[in-house]
Structures are given as structure tokens and as C-alpha cells.
Amino acid sequence: MLAARQPSDGRRLWALMAYTGLRLLRAQHGGKPSITGFDVRKYAASAGQPRYDPWERAEAWRYQGLFSRFNRFRGAFPGLGIATVAFAAYCGYEYMFLQDDHHHGEEHH
């Protein structure tokens, strides 16, 4: 059985350099032309940023009033403010009125 001939490292390197050079030349001249004739770069350049957005007024409600960023964050944790105040009040009550007078573990004779 005959073994397939493998190209040497020198040939691989030359082929890679030739392929890279062709790609660079093609990129300088605008790349490979499209079969359909449609140029994506020209389309993107012509689309650009619109001077006037007809939907701007229709979508403004999404970012104002009840739907502002602050109100959306505030609504993400309902009851957090009340729970924080209640917990602080309980900690204060426990510290002031629920003192442990038994002193377990301390031996005073």
C-alpha cells in the first residue's frame, strides 16, 4: 500500500503566505464581488443614523414616568423598605428590652 505524500513544512508555509497575500490584495480592492450585486457596505453606509425617528414619540413612554429606570428598580423589590425598618426596630427592641439577666456560663461566687 502506498502512503499518501505529505507536503513538507516549507510548502505549507509558502501556500499559507500565498493565500494570505491574495486575501490582502482582495481586501485592498474592495473584496470579492457579490454574485447578486448587493453590496452590504454601501447599504450600511446609506442606512446610517436617521435624522428623524418617527417612532421616537411613540416609544418615549418606555423611559418616563412609571417606567423610568429608578421606578423599575424600586418595583423589583417590593416590601424591602418596610422589611428593613421592621428589622431595625426589632433589633433596637431586642437590644433595649430583652437583656439576658441569667449570665449563663459565667461563674460569680
N, C-alpha and C. Protein backbone atom coordinates (compact mmCIF):
# COMPACT_ATOMS: atom_id res chain seq x y z
N MET A 1 0.84 -1.17 0.00
CA MET A 1 0.00 0.00 0.00
C MET A 1 0.89 1.23 0.00
N LEU A 2 0.56 2.18 -0.85
CA LEU A 2 1.36 3.38 -0.97
C LEU A 2 0.85 4.44 -0.01
N ALA A 3 1.75 5.08 0.67
CA ALA A 3 1.38 6.14 1.61
C ALA A 3 1.18 7.43 0.82
N ALA A 4 0.21 8.21 1.26
CA ALA A 4 -0.04 9.50 0.61
C ALA A 4 1.12 10.44 0.92
N ARG A 5 1.51 11.19 -0.07
CA ARG A 5 2.63 12.09 0.10
C ARG A 5 2.17 13.34 0.84
N GLN A 6 2.82 13.64 1.96
CA GLN A 6 2.51 14.82 2.76
C GLN A 6 3.39 15.97 2.30
N PRO A 7 2.83 17.16 2.13
CA PRO A 7 3.67 18.30 1.76
C PRO A 7 4.60 18.66 2.91
N SER A 8 5.76 19.12 2.56
CA SER A 8 6.72 19.48 3.59
C SER A 8 6.27 20.77 4.27
N ASP A 9 6.92 21.08 5.38
CA ASP A 9 6.57 22.30 6.12
C ASP A 9 6.84 23.54 5.28
N GLY A 10 7.85 23.52 4.45
CA GLY A 10 8.16 24.65 3.59
C GLY A 10 7.05 24.92 2.60
N ARG A 11 6.50 23.88 2.04
CA ARG A 11 5.40 24.04 1.08
C ARG A 11 4.15 24.57 1.77
N ARG A 12 3.89 24.06 2.97
CA ARG A 12 2.72 24.56 3.72
C ARG A 12 2.86 26.04 4.02
N LEU A 13 4.05 26.44 4.44
CA LEU A 13 4.30 27.83 4.76
C LEU A 13 4.14 28.71 3.52
N TRP A 14 4.67 28.26 2.39
CA TRP A 14 4.55 29.03 1.16
C TRP A 14 3.08 29.17 0.75
N ALA A 15 2.32 28.08 0.87
CA ALA A 15 0.90 28.11 0.50
C ALA A 15 0.13 29.06 1.42
N LEU A 16 0.46 29.04 2.69
CA LEU A 16 -0.21 29.93 3.64
C LEU A 16 0.12 31.39 3.32
N MET A 17 1.37 31.68 3.02
CA MET A 17 1.77 33.04 2.69
C MET A 17 1.09 33.51 1.40
N ALA A 18 1.01 32.63 0.42
CA ALA A 18 0.37 33.00 -0.84
C ALA A 18 -1.12 33.27 -0.62
N TYR A 19 -1.78 32.43 0.18
CA TYR A 19 -3.21 32.60 0.47
C TYR A 19 -3.44 33.91 1.21
N THR A 20 -2.60 34.20 2.20
CA THR A 20 -2.73 35.44 2.97
C THR A 20 -2.50 36.65 2.08
N GLY A 21 -1.50 36.57 1.19
CA GLY A 21 -1.25 37.67 0.27
C GLY A 21 -2.42 37.93 -0.66
N LEU A 22 -3.04 36.87 -1.16
CA LEU A 22 -4.20 37.04 -2.03
C LEU A 22 -5.37 37.69 -1.28
N ARG A 23 -5.54 37.30 -0.04
CA ARG A 23 -6.62 37.90 0.75
C ARG A 23 -6.37 39.38 0.98
N LEU A 24 -5.10 39.75 1.23
CA LEU A 24 -4.78 41.16 1.43
C LEU A 24 -5.02 41.96 0.15
N LEU A 25 -4.61 41.42 -0.98
CA LEU A 25 -4.83 42.11 -2.25
C LEU A 25 -6.32 42.27 -2.54
N ARG A 26 -7.08 41.23 -2.25
CA ARG A 26 -8.52 41.27 -2.50
C ARG A 26 -9.19 42.29 -1.58
N ALA A 27 -8.71 42.40 -0.33
CA ALA A 27 -9.30 43.36 0.60
C ALA A 27 -9.00 44.79 0.18
N GLN A 28 -7.84 45.04 -0.43
CA GLN A 28 -7.50 46.38 -0.87
C GLN A 28 -8.39 46.84 -2.01
N HIS A 29 -8.84 45.92 -2.81
CA HIS A 29 -9.64 46.27 -3.98
C HIS A 29 -11.13 46.10 -3.73
N GLY A 30 -11.54 46.07 -2.49
CA GLY A 30 -12.97 46.01 -2.19
C GLY A 30 -13.48 44.60 -1.99
N GLY A 31 -12.66 43.61 -1.96
CA GLY A 31 -13.11 42.25 -1.70
C GLY A 31 -13.71 41.58 -2.91
N LYS A 32 -14.18 40.40 -2.69
CA LYS A 32 -14.78 39.59 -3.74
C LYS A 32 -16.16 40.15 -4.09
N PRO A 33 -16.46 40.38 -5.36
CA PRO A 33 -17.78 40.93 -5.69
C PRO A 33 -18.88 39.91 -5.42
N SER A 34 -20.03 40.43 -5.04
CA SER A 34 -21.17 39.57 -4.74
C SER A 34 -21.79 39.06 -6.04
N ILE A 35 -22.30 37.86 -6.01
CA ILE A 35 -22.96 37.27 -7.17
C ILE A 35 -24.23 38.04 -7.50
N THR A 36 -24.94 38.50 -6.47
CA THR A 36 -26.21 39.20 -6.69
C THR A 36 -26.03 40.67 -6.99
N GLY A 37 -24.83 41.21 -6.73
CA GLY A 37 -24.61 42.63 -6.94
C GLY A 37 -24.97 43.49 -5.74
N PHE A 38 -25.43 42.87 -4.66
CA PHE A 38 -25.81 43.59 -3.45
C PHE A 38 -24.56 43.86 -2.62
N ASP A 39 -24.32 45.12 -2.28
CA ASP A 39 -23.14 45.49 -1.50
C ASP A 39 -23.58 45.86 -0.09
N VAL A 40 -23.18 45.05 0.87
CA VAL A 40 -23.58 45.26 2.25
C VAL A 40 -23.00 46.55 2.81
N ARG A 41 -21.77 46.87 2.45
CA ARG A 41 -21.13 48.08 2.96
C ARG A 41 -21.86 49.34 2.50
N LYS A 42 -22.27 49.38 1.23
CA LYS A 42 -23.00 50.54 0.72
C LYS A 42 -24.36 50.66 1.41
N TYR A 43 -25.00 49.52 1.65
CA TYR A 43 -26.30 49.53 2.32
C TYR A 43 -26.17 50.07 3.74
N ALA A 44 -25.17 49.62 4.47
CA ALA A 44 -24.97 50.08 5.84
C ALA A 44 -24.63 51.56 5.88
N ALA A 45 -23.83 52.01 4.91
CA ALA A 45 -23.47 53.43 4.87
C ALA A 45 -24.68 54.30 4.54
N SER A 46 -25.54 53.82 3.67
CA SER A 46 -26.70 54.62 3.29
C SER A 46 -27.76 54.62 4.40
N ALA A 47 -27.85 53.54 5.16
CA ALA A 47 -28.84 53.47 6.23
C ALA A 47 -28.47 54.45 7.33
N GLY A 48 -27.25 54.35 7.85
CA GLY A 48 -26.75 55.28 8.85
C GLY A 48 -27.71 55.52 9.99
N GLN A 49 -27.59 56.68 10.61
CA GLN A 49 -28.46 57.09 11.70
C GLN A 49 -29.53 58.02 11.13
N PRO A 50 -30.79 57.73 11.34
CA PRO A 50 -31.84 58.60 10.77
C PRO A 50 -31.83 59.98 11.43
N ARG A 51 -32.12 61.01 10.64
CA ARG A 51 -32.19 62.37 11.19
C ARG A 51 -33.42 62.52 12.06
N TYR A 52 -34.50 61.87 11.70
CA TYR A 52 -35.74 61.97 12.45
C TYR A 52 -36.31 60.57 12.62
N ASP A 53 -36.62 60.21 13.84
CA ASP A 53 -37.18 58.89 14.12
C ASP A 53 -38.69 59.06 14.31
N PRO A 54 -39.50 58.56 13.38
CA PRO A 54 -40.95 58.74 13.51
C PRO A 54 -41.55 58.00 14.70
N TRP A 55 -40.85 57.00 15.23
CA TRP A 55 -41.36 56.23 16.37
C TRP A 55 -40.86 56.75 17.71
N GLU A 56 -40.07 57.81 17.69
CA GLU A 56 -39.48 58.33 18.93
C GLU A 56 -40.56 58.71 19.96
N ARG A 57 -41.57 59.42 19.52
CA ARG A 57 -42.63 59.85 20.43
C ARG A 57 -43.45 58.66 20.92
N ALA A 58 -43.64 57.67 20.05
CA ALA A 58 -44.44 56.51 20.43
C ALA A 58 -43.72 55.63 21.46
N GLU A 59 -42.39 55.65 21.47
CA GLU A 59 -41.65 54.82 22.41
C GLU A 59 -41.15 55.58 23.63
N ALA A 60 -41.43 56.87 23.73
CA ALA A 60 -40.94 57.67 24.84
C ALA A 60 -41.52 57.20 26.17
N TRP A 61 -42.72 56.67 26.17
CA TRP A 61 -43.35 56.24 27.42
C TRP A 61 -42.56 55.13 28.10
N ARG A 62 -41.76 54.39 27.36
CA ARG A 62 -41.00 53.29 27.95
C ARG A 62 -39.94 53.76 28.93
N TYR A 63 -39.53 55.01 28.84
CA TYR A 63 -38.42 55.50 29.64
C TYR A 63 -38.81 56.67 30.54
N GLN A 64 -40.11 56.96 30.69
CA GLN A 64 -40.56 58.07 31.51
C GLN A 64 -41.60 57.59 32.50
N GLY A 65 -41.80 58.38 33.54
CA GLY A 65 -42.88 58.13 34.50
C GLY A 65 -42.72 56.82 35.25
N LEU A 66 -43.75 56.00 35.20
CA LEU A 66 -43.74 54.73 35.93
C LEU A 66 -42.68 53.76 35.42
N PHE A 67 -42.23 53.95 34.19
CA PHE A 67 -41.30 53.01 33.60
C PHE A 67 -39.87 53.55 33.54
N SER A 68 -39.57 54.58 34.33
CA SER A 68 -38.20 55.09 34.37
C SER A 68 -37.30 54.05 35.03
N ARG A 69 -36.01 54.21 34.87
CA ARG A 69 -35.06 53.23 35.42
C ARG A 69 -35.19 53.13 36.94
N PHE A 70 -35.36 54.27 37.62
CA PHE A 70 -35.48 54.26 39.07
C PHE A 70 -36.73 53.51 39.51
N ASN A 71 -37.85 53.78 38.85
CA ASN A 71 -39.09 53.12 39.25
C ASN A 71 -39.08 51.63 38.94
N ARG A 72 -38.40 51.24 37.86
CA ARG A 72 -38.29 49.81 37.58
C ARG A 72 -37.46 49.11 38.64
N PHE A 73 -36.39 49.75 39.11
CA PHE A 73 -35.55 49.15 40.16
C PHE A 73 -36.31 49.10 41.47
N ARG A 74 -37.03 50.18 41.77
CA ARG A 74 -37.78 50.22 43.02
C ARG A 74 -38.85 49.14 43.05
N GLY A 75 -39.47 48.88 41.94
CA GLY A 75 -40.51 47.86 41.88
C GLY A 75 -39.96 46.44 41.88
N ALA A 76 -38.64 46.29 41.72
CA ALA A 76 -38.06 44.95 41.68
C ALA A 76 -38.05 44.30 43.06
N PHE A 77 -38.05 45.12 44.13
CA PHE A 77 -38.01 44.58 45.49
C PHE A 77 -39.16 45.16 46.30
N PRO A 78 -40.38 44.71 46.06
CA PRO A 78 -41.50 45.27 46.82
C PRO A 78 -41.41 44.85 48.28
N GLY A 79 -41.64 45.79 49.18
CA GLY A 79 -41.62 45.49 50.61
C GLY A 79 -40.25 45.54 51.24
N LEU A 80 -39.21 45.83 50.47
CA LEU A 80 -37.86 45.85 51.03
C LEU A 80 -37.71 46.98 52.04
N GLY A 81 -38.27 48.13 51.77
CA GLY A 81 -38.17 49.26 52.70
C GLY A 81 -38.87 48.98 54.01
N ILE A 82 -40.09 48.45 53.95
CA ILE A 82 -40.85 48.14 55.16
C ILE A 82 -40.13 47.05 55.96
N ALA A 83 -39.60 46.06 55.28
CA ALA A 83 -38.90 44.97 55.97
C ALA A 83 -37.64 45.48 56.66
N THR A 84 -36.93 46.40 56.04
CA THR A 84 -35.71 46.94 56.63
C THR A 84 -36.03 47.74 57.89
N VAL A 85 -37.07 48.55 57.86
CA VAL A 85 -37.47 49.33 59.03
C VAL A 85 -37.94 48.42 60.15
N ALA A 86 -38.71 47.41 59.82
CA ALA A 86 -39.20 46.47 60.84
C ALA A 86 -38.05 45.70 61.48
N PHE A 87 -37.08 45.29 60.69
CA PHE A 87 -35.94 44.56 61.23
C PHE A 87 -35.10 45.46 62.14
N ALA A 88 -34.89 46.71 61.74
CA ALA A 88 -34.13 47.65 62.57
C ALA A 88 -34.86 47.90 63.89
N ALA A 89 -36.19 48.04 63.83
CA ALA A 89 -36.97 48.26 65.06
C ALA A 89 -36.87 47.06 65.98
N TYR A 90 -36.94 45.85 65.43
CA TYR A 90 -36.83 44.65 66.25
C TYR A 90 -35.45 44.55 66.89
N CYS A 91 -34.39 44.86 66.13
CA CYS A 91 -33.04 44.81 66.69
C CYS A 91 -32.89 45.81 67.83
N GLY A 92 -33.46 47.02 67.67
CA GLY A 92 -33.43 48.02 68.74
C GLY A 92 -34.20 47.55 69.96
N TYR A 93 -35.38 46.98 69.76
CA TYR A 93 -36.19 46.46 70.87
C TYR A 93 -35.45 45.35 71.60
N GLU A 94 -34.84 44.44 70.88
CA GLU A 94 -34.11 43.33 71.49
C GLU A 94 -32.91 43.85 72.29
N TYR A 95 -32.23 44.84 71.78
CA TYR A 95 -31.06 45.38 72.46
C TYR A 95 -31.46 46.10 73.75
N MET A 96 -32.60 46.82 73.71
CA MET A 96 -33.01 47.63 74.86
C MET A 96 -33.76 46.84 75.93
N PHE A 97 -34.66 45.97 75.52
CA PHE A 97 -35.57 45.37 76.49
C PHE A 97 -35.37 43.89 76.75
N LEU A 98 -34.73 43.18 75.89
CA LEU A 98 -34.59 41.73 76.08
C LEU A 98 -33.16 41.39 76.51
N GLN A 99 -32.74 41.96 77.62
CA GLN A 99 -31.42 41.68 78.15
C GLN A 99 -31.42 40.32 78.83
N ASP A 100 -30.35 39.58 78.67
CA ASP A 100 -30.22 38.27 79.29
C ASP A 100 -29.63 38.49 80.69
N ASP A 101 -30.46 38.28 81.73
CA ASP A 101 -30.02 38.51 83.10
C ASP A 101 -29.46 37.25 83.76
N HIS A 102 -29.51 36.13 83.09
CA HIS A 102 -29.10 34.87 83.71
C HIS A 102 -27.58 34.68 83.68
N HIS A 103 -26.89 35.23 82.77
CA HIS A 103 -25.43 35.12 82.65
C HIS A 103 -24.98 33.67 82.65
N HIS A 104 -25.49 32.89 81.76
CA HIS A 104 -25.08 31.50 81.67
C HIS A 104 -23.63 31.42 81.29
N GLY A 105 -22.91 30.53 81.95
CA GLY A 105 -21.51 30.32 81.61
C GLY A 105 -20.56 31.17 82.43
N GLU A 106 -21.06 32.18 83.11
CA GLU A 106 -20.20 32.99 83.95
C GLU A 106 -20.37 32.53 85.40
N GLU A 107 -19.29 32.33 86.07
CA GLU A 107 -19.36 31.86 87.48
C GLU A 107 -18.90 32.97 88.39
N HIS A 108 -19.85 33.56 89.14
CA HIS A 108 -19.53 34.58 90.14
C HIS A 108 -19.91 34.02 91.50
N HIS A 109 -18.98 33.83 92.40
CA HIS A 109 -19.29 33.27 93.71
C HIS A 109 -19.12 34.27 94.77
